[in-house]
Amino acid sequence: AVDLIMPRDFKTTLLPAIRERGHDWTIFYEVKANLRRA
């Protein structure tokens, strides 16, 4: 990902969709460090 920061809504939209479709991908993303464990 060349995004400067991961969109907040991707945690509930894009990422679950990737998981639900069973993709075995490796992804890089820039994030903010205050992420929760979940």
PDB file of all heavy atoms in Angstrom:
ATOM      1  N   ALA A   1       0.847  -1.196   0.000  1.00  0.00           N
ATOM      2  CA  ALA A   1       0.000   0.000   0.000  1.00  0.00           C
ATOM      3  C   ALA A   1       0.881   1.244   0.000  1.00  0.00           C
ATOM      4  O   ALA A   1       1.737   1.400   0.868  1.00  0.00           O
ATOM      5  CB  ALA A   1      -0.910   0.006   1.212  1.00  0.00           C
ATOM      6  N   VAL A   2       0.674   2.129  -0.967  1.00  0.00           N
ATOM      7  CA  VAL A   2       1.411   3.389  -1.001  1.00  0.00           C
ATOM      8  C   VAL A   2       0.645   4.485  -0.258  1.00  0.00           C
ATOM      9  O   VAL A   2       1.087   5.631  -0.224  1.00  0.00           O
ATOM     10  CB  VAL A   2       1.709   3.833  -2.449  1.00  0.00           C
ATOM     11  CG1 VAL A   2       2.546   2.790  -3.164  1.00  0.00           C
ATOM     12  CG2 VAL A   2       0.425   4.120  -3.223  1.00  0.00           C
ATOM     13  N   ASP A   3      -0.474   4.135   0.360  1.00  0.00           N
ATOM     14  CA  ASP A   3      -1.230   5.095   1.170  1.00  0.00           C
ATOM     15  C   ASP A   3      -0.332   5.648   2.276  1.00  0.00           C
ATOM     16  O   ASP A   3       0.502   4.930   2.838  1.00  0.00           O
ATOM     17  CB  ASP A   3      -2.433   4.421   1.836  1.00  0.00           C
ATOM     18  CG  ASP A   3      -3.374   3.759   0.843  1.00  0.00           C
ATOM     19  OD1 ASP A   3      -2.900   3.299  -0.203  1.00  0.00           O
ATOM     20  OD2 ASP A   3      -4.573   3.695   1.132  1.00  0.00           O
ATOM     21  N   LEU A   4      -0.540   6.899   2.624  1.00  0.00           N
ATOM     22  CA  LEU A   4       0.219   7.493   3.716  1.00  0.00           C
ATOM     23  C   LEU A   4      -0.241   6.967   5.069  1.00  0.00           C
ATOM     24  O   LEU A   4       0.512   7.021   6.047  1.00  0.00           O
ATOM     25  CB  LEU A   4       0.094   9.014   3.672  1.00  0.00           C
ATOM     26  CG  LEU A   4       0.668   9.661   2.409  1.00  0.00           C
ATOM     27  CD1 LEU A   4       0.345  11.143   2.382  1.00  0.00           C
ATOM     28  CD2 LEU A   4       2.162   9.439   2.317  1.00  0.00           C
ATOM     29  N   ILE A   5      -1.471   6.473   5.134  1.00  0.00           N
ATOM     30  CA  ILE A   5      -2.007   5.888   6.352  1.00  0.00           C
ATOM     31  C   ILE A   5      -3.204   5.032   5.960  1.00  0.00           C
ATOM     32  O   ILE A   5      -3.921   5.347   5.016  1.00  0.00           O
ATOM     33  CB  ILE A   5      -2.416   6.989   7.363  1.00  0.00           C
ATOM     34  CG1 ILE A   5      -2.707   6.403   8.732  1.00  0.00           C
ATOM     35  CG2 ILE A   5      -3.598   7.802   6.846  1.00  0.00           C
ATOM     36  CD1 ILE A   5      -2.840   7.454   9.832  1.00  0.00           C
ATOM     37  N   MET A   6      -3.387   3.929   6.667  1.00  0.00           N
ATOM     38  CA  MET A   6      -4.518   3.055   6.338  1.00  0.00           C
ATOM     39  C   MET A   6      -5.841   3.763   6.635  1.00  0.00           C
ATOM     40  O   MET A   6      -6.024   4.317   7.728  1.00  0.00           O
ATOM     41  CB  MET A   6      -4.445   1.759   7.150  1.00  0.00           C
ATOM     42  CG  MET A   6      -5.636   0.832   6.907  1.00  0.00           C
ATOM     43  SD  MET A   6      -5.616  -0.636   7.955  1.00  0.00           S
ATOM     44  CE  MET A   6      -4.343  -1.594   7.143  1.00  0.00           C
ATOM     45  N   PRO A   7      -6.775   3.765   5.687  1.00  0.00           N
ATOM     46  CA  PRO A   7      -8.107   4.320   5.975  1.00  0.00           C
ATOM     47  C   PRO A   7      -8.746   3.582   7.153  1.00  0.00           C
ATOM     48  O   PRO A   7      -8.697   2.352   7.227  1.00  0.00           O
ATOM     49  CB  PRO A   7      -8.879   4.075   4.676  1.00  0.00           C
ATOM     50  CG  PRO A   7      -7.820   3.970   3.618  1.00  0.00           C
ATOM     51  CD  PRO A   7      -6.648   3.321   4.286  1.00  0.00           C
ATOM     52  N   ARG A   8      -9.360   4.328   8.050  1.00  0.00           N
ATOM     53  CA  ARG A   8      -9.931   3.701   9.243  1.00  0.00           C
ATOM     54  C   ARG A   8     -11.034   2.715   8.891  1.00  0.00           C
ATOM     55  O   ARG A   8     -11.184   1.672   9.539  1.00  0.00           O
ATOM     56  CB  ARG A   8     -10.446   4.790  10.189  1.00  0.00           C
ATOM     57  CG  ARG A   8      -9.333   5.504  10.935  1.00  0.00           C
ATOM     58  CD  ARG A   8      -9.826   6.697  11.717  1.00  0.00           C
ATOM     59  NE  ARG A   8     -10.208   7.801  10.830  1.00  0.00           N
ATOM     60  CZ  ARG A   8     -10.482   9.026  11.256  1.00  0.00           C
ATOM     61  NH1 ARG A   8     -10.428   9.296  12.548  1.00  0.00           N
ATOM     62  NH2 ARG A   8     -10.812   9.981  10.416  1.00  0.00           N
ATOM     63  N   ASP A   9     -11.820   3.015   7.863  1.00  0.00           N
ATOM     64  CA  ASP A   9     -12.942   2.129   7.548  1.00  0.00           C
ATOM     65  C   ASP A   9     -12.492   0.831   6.893  1.00  0.00           C
ATOM     66  O   ASP A   9     -13.268  -0.118   6.826  1.00  0.00           O
ATOM     67  CB  ASP A   9     -13.964   2.850   6.654  1.00  0.00           C
ATOM     68  CG  ASP A   9     -13.407   3.137   5.274  1.00  0.00           C
ATOM     69  OD1 ASP A   9     -12.325   3.733   5.180  1.00  0.00           O
ATOM     70  OD2 ASP A   9     -14.074   2.774   4.287  1.00  0.00           O
ATOM     71  N   PHE A  10     -11.243   0.752   6.406  1.00  0.00           N
ATOM     72  CA  PHE A  10     -10.775  -0.490   5.797  1.00  0.00           C
ATOM     73  C   PHE A  10     -10.749  -1.633   6.809  1.00  0.00           C
ATOM     74  O   PHE A  10     -10.798  -2.805   6.436  1.00  0.00           O
ATOM     75  CB  PHE A  10      -9.380  -0.288   5.198  1.00  0.00           C
ATOM     76  CG  PHE A  10      -9.402   0.275   3.792  1.00  0.00           C
ATOM     77  CD1 PHE A  10     -10.532   0.884   3.280  1.00  0.00           C
ATOM     78  CD2 PHE A  10      -8.274   0.194   2.979  1.00  0.00           C
ATOM     79  CE1 PHE A  10     -10.555   1.406   1.996  1.00  0.00           C
ATOM     80  CE2 PHE A  10      -8.284   0.711   1.691  1.00  0.00           C
ATOM     81  CZ  PHE A  10      -9.426   1.313   1.195  1.00  0.00           C
ATOM     82  N   LYS A  11     -10.649  -1.301   8.105  1.00  0.00           N
ATOM     83  CA  LYS A  11     -10.643  -2.353   9.126  1.00  0.00           C
ATOM     84  C   LYS A  11     -11.972  -3.095   9.176  1.00  0.00           C
ATOM     85  O   LYS A  11     -12.027  -4.254   9.601  1.00  0.00           O
ATOM     86  CB  LYS A  11     -10.342  -1.749  10.502  1.00  0.00           C
ATOM     87  CG  LYS A  11      -9.002  -1.046  10.590  1.00  0.00           C
ATOM     88  CD  LYS A  11      -8.898  -0.259  11.898  1.00  0.00           C
ATOM     89  CE  LYS A  11      -7.778   0.745  11.841  1.00  0.00           C
ATOM     90  NZ  LYS A  11      -7.801   1.680  12.990  1.00  0.00           N
ATOM     91  N   THR A  12     -13.031  -2.431   8.736  1.00  0.00           N
ATOM     92  CA  THR A  12     -14.358  -3.058   8.768  1.00  0.00           C
ATOM     93  C   THR A  12     -14.920  -3.327   7.376  1.00  0.00           C
ATOM     94  O   THR A  12     -16.028  -3.858   7.260  1.00  0.00           O
ATOM     95  CB  THR A  12     -15.358  -2.159   9.532  1.00  0.00           C
ATOM     96  OG1 THR A  12     -15.404  -0.866   8.921  1.00  0.00           O
ATOM     97  CG2 THR A  12     -14.939  -2.025  10.995  1.00  0.00           C
ATOM     98  N   THR A  13     -14.173  -2.974   6.336  1.00  0.00           N
ATOM     99  CA  THR A  13     -14.659  -3.184   4.965  1.00  0.00           C
ATOM    100  C   THR A  13     -13.672  -4.035   4.167  1.00  0.00           C
ATOM    101  O   THR A  13     -13.889  -5.233   3.969  1.00  0.00           O
ATOM    102  CB  THR A  13     -14.872  -1.823   4.265  1.00  0.00           C
ATOM    103  OG1 THR A  13     -13.654  -1.048   4.321  1.00  0.00           O
ATOM    104  CG2 THR A  13     -15.993  -1.046   4.921  1.00  0.00           C
ATOM    105  N   LEU A  14     -12.574  -3.458   3.727  1.00  0.00           N
ATOM    106  CA  LEU A  14     -11.643  -4.158   2.852  1.00  0.00           C
ATOM    107  C   LEU A  14     -11.028  -5.379   3.520  1.00  0.00           C
ATOM    108  O   LEU A  14     -11.022  -6.482   2.944  1.00  0.00           O
ATOM    109  CB  LEU A  14     -10.531  -3.200   2.400  1.00  0.00           C
ATOM    110  CG  LEU A  14      -9.418  -3.838   1.556  1.00  0.00           C
ATOM    111  CD1 LEU A  14      -9.972  -4.335   0.231  1.00  0.00           C
ATOM    112  CD2 LEU A  14      -8.278  -2.855   1.329  1.00  0.00           C
ATOM    113  N   LEU A  15     -10.492  -5.214   4.729  1.00  0.00           N
ATOM    114  CA  LEU A  15      -9.767  -6.322   5.354  1.00  0.00           C
ATOM    115  C   LEU A  15     -10.665  -7.518   5.661  1.00  0.00           C
ATOM    116  O   LEU A  15     -10.293  -8.663   5.356  1.00  0.00           O
ATOM    117  CB  LEU A  15      -9.051  -5.832   6.608  1.00  0.00           C
ATOM    118  CG  LEU A  15      -7.981  -4.755   6.364  1.00  0.00           C
ATOM    119  CD1 LEU A  15      -7.278  -4.395   7.664  1.00  0.00           C
ATOM    120  CD2 LEU A  15      -6.968  -5.209   5.326  1.00  0.00           C
ATOM    121  N   PRO A  16     -11.859  -7.327   6.226  1.00  0.00           N
ATOM    122  CA  PRO A  16     -12.739  -8.494   6.407  1.00  0.00           C
ATOM    123  C   PRO A  16     -13.111  -9.172   5.087  1.00  0.00           C
ATOM    124  O   PRO A  16     -13.223 -10.403   5.030  1.00  0.00           O
ATOM    125  CB  PRO A  16     -13.973  -7.900   7.094  1.00  0.00           C
ATOM    126  CG  PRO A  16     -13.471  -6.672   7.786  1.00  0.00           C
ATOM    127  CD  PRO A  16     -12.421  -6.129   6.878  1.00  0.00           C
ATOM    128  N   ALA A  17     -13.275  -8.368   4.026  1.00  0.00           N
ATOM    129  CA  ALA A  17     -13.614  -8.962   2.723  1.00  0.00           C
ATOM    130  C   ALA A  17     -12.478  -9.829   2.204  1.00  0.00           C
ATOM    131  O   ALA A  17     -12.712 -10.900   1.626  1.00  0.00           O
ATOM    132  CB  ALA A  17     -13.944  -7.849   1.726  1.00  0.00           C
ATOM    133  N   ILE A  18     -11.241  -9.382   2.387  1.00  0.00           N
ATOM    134  CA  ILE A  18     -10.090 -10.194   1.985  1.00  0.00           C
ATOM    135  C   ILE A  18     -10.087 -11.518   2.733  1.00  0.00           C
ATOM    136  O   ILE A  18      -9.879 -12.594   2.154  1.00  0.00           O
ATOM    137  CB  ILE A  18      -8.780  -9.419   2.242  1.00  0.00           C
ATOM    138  CG1 ILE A  18      -8.675  -8.215   1.299  1.00  0.00           C
ATOM    139  CG2 ILE A  18      -7.568 -10.330   2.077  1.00  0.00           C
ATOM    140  CD1 ILE A  18      -7.510  -7.282   1.607  1.00  0.00           C
ATOM    141  N   ARG A  19     -10.340 -11.434   4.036  1.00  0.00           N
ATOM    142  CA  ARG A  19     -10.346 -12.647   4.861  1.00  0.00           C
ATOM    143  C   ARG A  19     -11.490 -13.571   4.474  1.00  0.00           C
ATOM    144  O   ARG A  19     -11.305 -14.795   4.344  1.00  0.00           O
ATOM    145  CB  ARG A  19     -10.458 -12.243   6.332  1.00  0.00           C
ATOM    146  CG  ARG A  19     -10.395 -13.405   7.308  1.00  0.00           C
ATOM    147  CD  ARG A  19     -10.313 -12.914   8.742  1.00  0.00           C
ATOM    148  NE  ARG A  19     -11.514 -12.179   9.149  1.00  0.00           N
ATOM    149  CZ  ARG A  19     -11.569 -10.869   9.340  1.00  0.00           C
ATOM    150  NH1 ARG A  19     -10.493 -10.127   9.152  1.00  0.00           N
ATOM    151  NH2 ARG A  19     -12.705 -10.277   9.721  1.00  0.00           N
ATOM    152  N   GLU A  20     -12.671 -13.013   4.249  1.00  0.00           N
ATOM    153  CA  GLU A  20     -13.833 -13.837   3.928  1.00  0.00           C
ATOM    154  C   GLU A  20     -13.681 -14.543   2.588  1.00  0.00           C
ATOM    155  O   GLU A  20     -14.212 -15.643   2.392  1.00  0.00           O
ATOM    156  CB  GLU A  20     -15.088 -12.967   3.931  1.00  0.00           C
ATOM    157  CG  GLU A  20     -15.498 -12.495   5.326  1.00  0.00           C
ATOM    158  CD  GLU A  20     -16.487 -11.348   5.296  1.00  0.00           C
ATOM    159  OE1 GLU A  20     -16.942 -11.007   4.175  1.00  0.00           O
ATOM    160  OE2 GLU A  20     -16.803 -10.786   6.364  1.00  0.00           O
ATOM    161  N   ARG A  21     -12.951 -13.917   1.662  1.00  0.00           N
ATOM    162  CA  ARG A  21     -12.756 -14.542   0.343  1.00  0.00           C
ATOM    163  C   ARG A  21     -11.619 -15.554   0.354  1.00  0.00           C
ATOM    164  O   ARG A  21     -11.329 -16.178  -0.669  1.00  0.00           O
ATOM    165  CB  ARG A  21     -12.486 -13.472  -0.704  1.00  0.00           C
ATOM    166  CG  ARG A  21     -13.717 -12.623  -1.008  1.00  0.00           C
ATOM    167  CD  ARG A  21     -13.377 -11.504  -1.974  1.00  0.00           C
ATOM    168  NE  ARG A  21     -14.536 -10.654  -2.242  1.00  0.00           N
ATOM    169  CZ  ARG A  21     -15.110 -10.524  -3.429  1.00  0.00           C
ATOM    170  NH1 ARG A  21     -14.655 -11.205  -4.462  1.00  0.00           N
ATOM    171  NH2 ARG A  21     -16.142  -9.723  -3.588  1.00  0.00           N
ATOM    172  N   GLY A  22     -10.946 -15.696   1.485  1.00  0.00           N
ATOM    173  CA  GLY A  22      -9.930 -16.729   1.626  1.00  0.00           C
ATOM    174  C   GLY A  22      -8.621 -16.443   0.913  1.00  0.00           C
ATOM    175  O   GLY A  22      -7.871 -17.374   0.594  1.00  0.00           O
ATOM    176  N   HIS A  23      -8.312 -15.183   0.677  1.00  0.00           N
ATOM    177  CA  HIS A  23      -7.074 -14.857  -0.028  1.00  0.00           C
ATOM    178  C   HIS A  23      -5.861 -15.061   0.875  1.00  0.00           C
ATOM    179  O   HIS A  23      -5.862 -14.650   2.037  1.00  0.00           O
ATOM    180  CB  HIS A  23      -7.093 -13.407  -0.501  1.00  0.00           C
ATOM    181  CG  HIS A  23      -8.092 -13.143  -1.585  1.00  0.00           C
ATOM    182  ND1 HIS A  23      -8.103 -13.845  -2.771  1.00  0.00           N
ATOM    183  CD2 HIS A  23      -9.126 -12.251  -1.663  1.00  0.00           C
ATOM    184  CE1 HIS A  23      -9.095 -13.395  -3.539  1.00  0.00           C
ATOM    185  NE2 HIS A  23      -9.735 -12.437  -2.886  1.00  0.00           N
ATOM    186  N   ASP A  24      -4.841 -15.677   0.332  1.00  0.00           N
ATOM    187  CA  ASP A  24      -3.579 -15.873   1.053  1.00  0.00           C
ATOM    188  C   ASP A  24      -2.589 -14.821   0.564  1.00  0.00           C
ATOM    189  O   ASP A  24      -1.681 -15.101  -0.223  1.00  0.00           O
ATOM    190  CB  ASP A  24      -3.051 -17.289   0.801  1.00  0.00           C
ATOM    191  CG  ASP A  24      -1.799 -17.584   1.607  1.00  0.00           C
ATOM    192  OD1 ASP A  24      -1.532 -16.846   2.582  1.00  0.00           O
ATOM    193  OD2 ASP A  24      -1.073 -18.530   1.255  1.00  0.00           O
ATOM    194  N   TRP A  25      -2.760 -13.610   1.021  1.00  0.00           N
ATOM    195  CA  TRP A  25      -1.957 -12.487   0.559  1.00  0.00           C
ATOM    196  C   TRP A  25      -1.019 -12.006   1.655  1.00  0.00           C
ATOM    197  O   TRP A  25      -1.244 -12.239   2.849  1.00  0.00           O
ATOM    198  CB  TRP A  25      -2.862 -11.312   0.161  1.00  0.00           C
ATOM    199  CG  TRP A  25      -3.689 -11.544  -1.063  1.00  0.00           C
ATOM    200  CD1 TRP A  25      -3.550 -12.562  -1.967  1.00  0.00           C
ATOM    201  CD2 TRP A  25      -4.800 -10.759  -1.514  1.00  0.00           C
ATOM    202  NE1 TRP A  25      -4.498 -12.449  -2.959  1.00  0.00           N
ATOM    203  CE2 TRP A  25      -5.280 -11.342  -2.707  1.00  0.00           C
ATOM    204  CE3 TRP A  25      -5.427  -9.612  -1.040  1.00  0.00           C
ATOM    205  CZ2 TRP A  25      -6.350 -10.822  -3.426  1.00  0.00           C
ATOM    206  CZ3 TRP A  25      -6.497  -9.083  -1.734  1.00  0.00           C
ATOM    207  CH2 TRP A  25      -6.953  -9.683  -2.923  1.00  0.00           C
ATOM    208  N   THR A  26       0.028 -11.310   1.242  1.00  0.00           N
ATOM    209  CA  THR A  26       0.916 -10.593   2.154  1.00  0.00           C
ATOM    210  C   THR A  26       0.834  -9.120   1.795  1.00  0.00           C
ATOM    211  O   THR A  26       1.069  -8.744   0.644  1.00  0.00           O
ATOM    212  CB  THR A  26       2.365 -11.083   2.031  1.00  0.00           C
ATOM    213  OG1 THR A  26       2.415 -12.486   2.310  1.00  0.00           O
ATOM    214  CG2 THR A  26       3.277 -10.330   2.990  1.00  0.00           C
ATOM    215  N   ILE A  27       0.497  -8.286   2.783  1.00  0.00           N
ATOM    216  CA  ILE A  27       0.205  -6.876   2.525  1.00  0.00           C
ATOM    217  C   ILE A  27       1.037  -6.005   3.462  1.00  0.00           C
ATOM    218  O   ILE A  27       1.209  -6.325   4.644  1.00  0.00           O
ATOM    219  CB  ILE A  27      -1.290  -6.575   2.729  1.00  0.00           C
ATOM    220  CG1 ILE A  27      -2.146  -7.460   1.801  1.00  0.00           C
ATOM    221  CG2 ILE A  27      -1.602  -5.097   2.485  1.00  0.00           C
ATOM    222  CD1 ILE A  27      -3.637  -7.380   2.078  1.00  0.00           C
ATOM    223  N   PHE A  28       1.559  -4.906   2.915  1.00  0.00           N
ATOM    224  CA  PHE A  28       2.198  -3.861   3.716  1.00  0.00           C
ATOM    225  C   PHE A  28       1.264  -2.667   3.823  1.00  0.00           C
ATOM    226  O   PHE A  28       0.622  -2.279   2.853  1.00  0.00           O
ATOM    227  CB  PHE A  28       3.504  -3.394   3.074  1.00  0.00           C
ATOM    228  CG  PHE A  28       4.012  -2.089   3.666  1.00  0.00           C
ATOM    229  CD1 PHE A  28       4.783  -2.088   4.804  1.00  0.00           C
ATOM    230  CD2 PHE A  28       3.687  -0.866   3.079  1.00  0.00           C
ATOM    231  CE1 PHE A  28       5.228  -0.895   5.368  1.00  0.00           C
ATOM    232  CE2 PHE A  28       4.134   0.333   3.626  1.00  0.00           C
ATOM    233  CZ  PHE A  28       4.899   0.322   4.778  1.00  0.00           C
ATOM    234  N   TYR A  29       1.229  -2.059   5.022  1.00  0.00           N
ATOM    235  CA  TYR A  29       0.452  -0.840   5.200  1.00  0.00           C
ATOM    236  C   TYR A  29       1.128   0.067   6.231  1.00  0.00           C
ATOM    237  O   TYR A  29       1.741  -0.417   7.183  1.00  0.00           O
ATOM    238  CB  TYR A  29      -0.974  -1.144   5.675  1.00  0.00           C
ATOM    239  CG  TYR A  29      -2.040  -0.668   4.713  1.00  0.00           C
ATOM    240  CD1 TYR A  29      -2.881  -1.555   4.060  1.00  0.00           C
ATOM    241  CD2 TYR A  29      -2.197   0.690   4.447  1.00  0.00           C
ATOM    242  CE1 TYR A  29      -3.858  -1.115   3.172  1.00  0.00           C
ATOM    243  CE2 TYR A  29      -3.171   1.145   3.557  1.00  0.00           C
ATOM    244  CZ  TYR A  29      -3.988   0.242   2.918  1.00  0.00           C
ATOM    245  OH  TYR A  29      -4.946   0.682   2.041  1.00  0.00           O
ATOM    246  N   GLU A  30       1.022   1.371   6.010  1.00  0.00           N
ATOM    247  CA  GLU A  30       1.369   2.340   7.040  1.00  0.00           C
ATOM    248  C   GLU A  30       0.152   2.539   7.927  1.00  0.00           C
ATOM    249  O   GLU A  30      -0.966   2.698   7.433  1.00  0.00           O
ATOM    250  CB  GLU A  30       1.801   3.673   6.429  1.00  0.00           C
ATOM    251  CG  GLU A  30       3.135   3.610   5.713  1.00  0.00           C
ATOM    252  CD  GLU A  30       3.679   4.992   5.399  1.00  0.00           C
ATOM    253  OE1 GLU A  30       3.640   5.866   6.296  1.00  0.00           O
ATOM    254  OE2 GLU A  30       4.129   5.190   4.263  1.00  0.00           O
ATOM    255  N   VAL A  31       0.386   2.527   9.240  1.00  0.00           N
ATOM    256  CA  VAL A  31      -0.715   2.630  10.186  1.00  0.00           C
ATOM    257  C   VAL A  31      -0.332   3.608  11.300  1.00  0.00           C
ATOM    258  O   VAL A  31       0.828   3.992  11.436  1.00  0.00           O
ATOM    259  CB  VAL A  31      -1.051   1.252  10.814  1.00  0.00           C
ATOM    260  CG1 VAL A  31      -1.486   0.257   9.753  1.00  0.00           C
ATOM    261  CG2 VAL A  31       0.148   0.707  11.601  1.00  0.00           C
ATOM    262  N   LYS A  32      -1.312   3.980  12.090  1.00  0.00           N
ATOM    263  CA  LYS A  32      -1.049   4.750  13.304  1.00  0.00           C
ATOM    264  C   LYS A  32      -0.825   3.759  14.441  1.00  0.00           C
ATOM    265  O   LYS A  32      -1.473   2.719  14.509  1.00  0.00           O
ATOM    266  CB  LYS A  32      -2.221   5.683  13.595  1.00  0.00           C
ATOM    267  CG  LYS A  32      -1.915   6.738  14.648  1.00  0.00           C
ATOM    268  CD  LYS A  32      -2.977   7.822  14.638  1.00  0.00           C
ATOM    269  CE  LYS A  32      -2.822   8.774  15.815  1.00  0.00           C
ATOM    270  NZ  LYS A  32      -1.504   9.408  15.859  1.00  0.00           N
ATOM    271  N   ALA A  33       0.075   4.087  15.356  1.00  0.00           N
ATOM    272  CA  ALA A  33       0.528   3.114  16.347  1.00  0.00           C
ATOM    273  C   ALA A  33      -0.464   2.867  17.473  1.00  0.00           C
ATOM    274  O   ALA A  33      -0.219   2.007  18.322  1.00  0.00           O
ATOM    275  CB  ALA A  33       1.866   3.569  16.934  1.00  0.00           C
ATOM    276  N   ASN A  34      -1.581   3.561  17.514  1.00  0.00           N
ATOM    277  CA  ASN A  34      -2.525   3.397  18.620  1.00  0.00           C
ATOM    278  C   ASN A  34      -3.575   2.329  18.340  1.00  0.00           C
ATOM    279  O   ASN A  34      -4.693   2.396  18.857  1.00  0.00           O
ATOM    280  CB  ASN A  34      -3.200   4.730  18.950  1.00  0.00           C
ATOM    281  CG  ASN A  34      -3.988   5.297  17.773  1.00  0.00           C
ATOM    282  OD1 ASN A  34      -3.930   4.768  16.662  1.00  0.00           O
ATOM    283  ND2 ASN A  34      -4.718   6.377  18.011  1.00  0.00           N
ATOM    284  N   LEU A  35      -3.231   1.341  17.545  1.00  0.00           N
ATOM    285  CA  LEU A  35      -4.169   0.262  17.239  1.00  0.00           C
ATOM    286  C   LEU A  35      -4.441  -0.586  18.476  1.00  0.00           C
ATOM    287  O   LEU A  35      -3.558  -0.827  19.302  1.00  0.00           O
ATOM    288  CB  LEU A  35      -3.601  -0.628  16.127  1.00  0.00           C
ATOM    289  CG  LEU A  35      -3.493   0.006  14.739  1.00  0.00           C
ATOM    290  CD1 LEU A  35      -2.705  -0.896  13.811  1.00  0.00           C
ATOM    291  CD2 LEU A  35      -4.877   0.288  14.166  1.00  0.00           C
ATOM    292  N   ARG A  36      -5.671  -1.090  18.569  1.00  0.00           N
ATOM    293  CA  ARG A  36      -6.023  -2.019  19.633  1.00  0.00           C
ATOM    294  C   ARG A  36      -5.657  -3.441  19.201  1.00  0.00           C
ATOM    295  O   ARG A  36      -5.480  -3.725  18.024  1.00  0.00           O
ATOM    296  CB  ARG A  36      -7.512  -1.918  19.948  1.00  0.00           C
ATOM    297  CG  ARG A  36      -7.924  -0.548  20.480  1.00  0.00           C
ATOM    298  CD  ARG A  36      -9.378  -0.555  20.947  1.00  0.00           C
ATOM    299  NE  ARG A  36     -10.290  -0.769  19.825  1.00  0.00           N
ATOM    300  CZ  ARG A  36     -10.786   0.211  19.071  1.00  0.00           C
ATOM    301  NH1 ARG A  36     -10.456   1.459  19.293  1.00  0.00           N
ATOM    302  NH2 ARG A  36     -11.622  -0.069  18.092  1.00  0.00           N
ATOM    303  N   ARG A  37      -5.561  -4.332  20.189  1.00  0.00           N
ATOM    304  CA  ARG A  37      -5.182  -5.716  19.870  1.00  0.00           C
ATOM    305  C   ARG A  37      -6.146  -6.338  18.867  1.00  0.00           C
ATOM    306  O   ARG A  37      -5.711  -7.006  17.915  1.00  0.00           O
ATOM    307  CB  ARG A  37      -5.119  -6.571  21.139  1.00  0.00           C
ATOM    308  CG  ARG A  37      -4.833  -8.043  20.833  1.00  0.00           C
ATOM    309  CD  ARG A  37      -4.881  -8.896  22.075  1.00  0.00           C
ATOM    310  NE  ARG A  37      -3.623  -8.923  22.786  1.00  0.00           N
ATOM    311  CZ  ARG A  37      -2.591  -9.707  22.463  1.00  0.00           C
ATOM    312  NH1 ARG A  37      -2.680 -10.507  21.414  1.00  0.00           N
ATOM    313  NH2 ARG A  37      -1.494  -9.701  23.167  1.00  0.00           N
ATOM    314  N   ALA A  38      -7.440  -6.135  19.057  1.00  0.00           N
ATOM    315  CA  ALA A  38      -8.415  -6.736  18.145  1.00  0.00           C
ATOM    316  C   ALA A  38      -8.219  -6.234  16.720  1.00  0.00           C
ATOM    317  O   ALA A  38      -8.404  -6.988  15.754  1.00  0.00           O
ATOM    318  CB  ALA A  38      -9.831  -6.437  18.623  1.00  0.00           C
TER     319      ALA A  38
END
